[in-house]
Amino acid sequence: MIEKAVNQLAEKILDLDEASLTGLWEKYKTRMEHFDVSREWERAVVVFFIINAVCAKNHIFNEQVAAMQSPSAVTPKPKRGKPDLKLVK
C-alpha cells in the first residue's frame, strides 16, 4: 500500500515543470530555514526537497543523454605512471 502511494506521488512529481518548481525554490528554502513546530513547516521541508530532487534527477538525466550522444567525450583517459602535473614556480 505504501509503495503504491509513493509511486503515485512520484508519477505526479515527474509531471511537474522544473522551471516552475525552481521559481518556488527560494520561498520554500526561506520557510524551511525558519523552524517552528507546525505542519506547515514540515510541508515546506518536503516541498523544498522535492524541488531539489526534480532538479537533481533532470541534471543526471541530461548528463547521461549527453554521454550517450557523445561517448568519446566521457571516456576517461588511460592511466599512466605519472600524474599530469605541472611545476609552478
Protein backbone atom coordinates (compact mmCIF):
# COMPACT_ATOMS: atom_id res chain seq x y z
CA MET A 1 0.00 0.00 0.00
CA ILE A 2 2.75 2.49 0.96
CA GLU A 3 4.80 1.57 -2.11
CA LYS A 4 1.80 2.19 -4.35
CA ALA A 5 1.21 5.58 -2.69
CA VAL A 6 4.82 6.75 -3.11
CA ASN A 7 4.88 5.55 -6.72
CA GLN A 8 1.74 7.58 -7.41
CA LEU A 9 3.38 10.61 -5.79
CA ALA A 10 6.46 10.08 -7.95
CA GLU A 11 4.31 10.00 -11.10
CA LYS A 12 2.66 13.29 -10.14
CA ILE A 13 6.02 14.87 -9.30
CA LEU A 14 7.50 13.76 -12.63
CA ASP A 15 4.74 15.70 -14.41
CA LEU A 16 5.81 18.97 -12.76
CA ASP A 17 7.79 21.54 -14.72
CA GLU A 18 11.31 22.13 -13.38
CA ALA A 19 11.28 25.81 -14.34
CA SER A 20 8.09 26.41 -12.36
CA LEU A 21 9.47 24.49 -9.40
CA THR A 22 12.73 26.42 -9.49
CA GLY A 23 10.72 29.62 -9.14
CA LEU A 24 9.43 28.32 -5.81
CA TRP A 25 12.83 27.20 -4.51
CA GLU A 26 13.73 30.40 -2.62
CA LYS A 27 10.28 30.64 -0.99
CA TYR A 28 10.47 27.12 0.44
CA LYS A 29 14.14 27.44 1.38
CA THR A 30 13.34 30.55 3.41
CA ARG A 31 10.32 28.89 5.03
CA MET A 32 12.36 25.80 5.88
CA GLU A 33 15.10 27.90 7.49
CA HIS A 34 12.58 29.48 9.89
CA PHE A 35 11.81 26.46 12.02
CA ASP A 36 8.66 26.16 14.03
CA VAL A 37 6.71 23.20 15.29
CA SER A 38 3.99 23.12 12.69
CA ARG A 39 2.63 21.03 9.86
CA GLU A 40 3.24 24.00 7.54
CA TRP A 41 6.98 23.91 8.29
CA GLU A 42 7.08 20.14 7.72
CA ARG A 43 5.31 20.57 4.37
CA ALA A 44 7.77 23.30 3.37
CA VAL A 45 10.71 20.97 4.06
CA VAL A 46 9.16 18.21 1.94
CA VAL A 47 8.39 20.63 -0.92
CA PHE A 48 11.95 22.03 -0.78
CA PHE A 49 13.44 18.56 -1.13
CA ILE A 50 11.00 17.61 -3.89
CA ILE A 51 12.17 20.65 -5.86
CA ASN A 52 15.80 19.65 -5.31
CA ALA A 53 15.07 16.04 -6.24
CA VAL A 54 13.48 17.04 -9.56
CA CYS A 55 16.44 19.31 -10.37
CA ALA A 56 18.95 16.58 -9.46
CA LYS A 57 17.04 13.99 -11.50
CA ASN A 58 16.99 16.26 -14.54
CA HIS A 59 20.70 17.05 -14.17
CA ILE A 60 21.63 13.35 -14.03
CA PHE A 61 19.27 12.59 -16.92
CA ASN A 62 20.77 15.33 -19.10
CA GLU A 63 24.34 14.21 -18.32
CA GLN A 64 23.51 10.62 -19.26
CA VAL A 65 21.79 11.62 -22.51
CA ALA A 66 24.77 13.80 -23.45
CA ALA A 67 27.15 10.94 -22.65
CA MET A 68 25.17 8.56 -24.87
CA GLN A 69 25.25 11.05 -27.74
CA SER A 70 28.99 11.70 -27.40
CA PRO A 71 30.61 8.66 -25.78
CA SER A 72 34.15 9.79 -26.66
CA ALA A 73 33.75 12.94 -24.55
CA VAL A 74 33.03 10.90 -21.44
CA THR A 75 35.62 8.17 -21.94
CA PRO A 76 38.30 8.62 -19.29
CA LYS A 77 41.95 8.92 -20.31
CA PRO A 78 44.01 5.81 -19.71
CA LYS A 79 46.09 5.91 -16.54
CA ARG A 80 49.82 6.46 -16.91
CA GLY A 81 52.61 6.01 -14.45
CA LYS A 82 52.92 9.69 -13.56
CA PRO A 83 50.04 12.11 -12.97
CA ASP A 84 49.57 15.05 -15.33
CA LEU A 85 51.09 17.76 -13.13
CA LYS A 86 52.88 20.97 -14.00
CA LEU A 87 55.62 22.61 -11.98
CA VAL A 88 54.52 26.06 -10.84
CA LYS A 89 57.23 28.44 -9.64
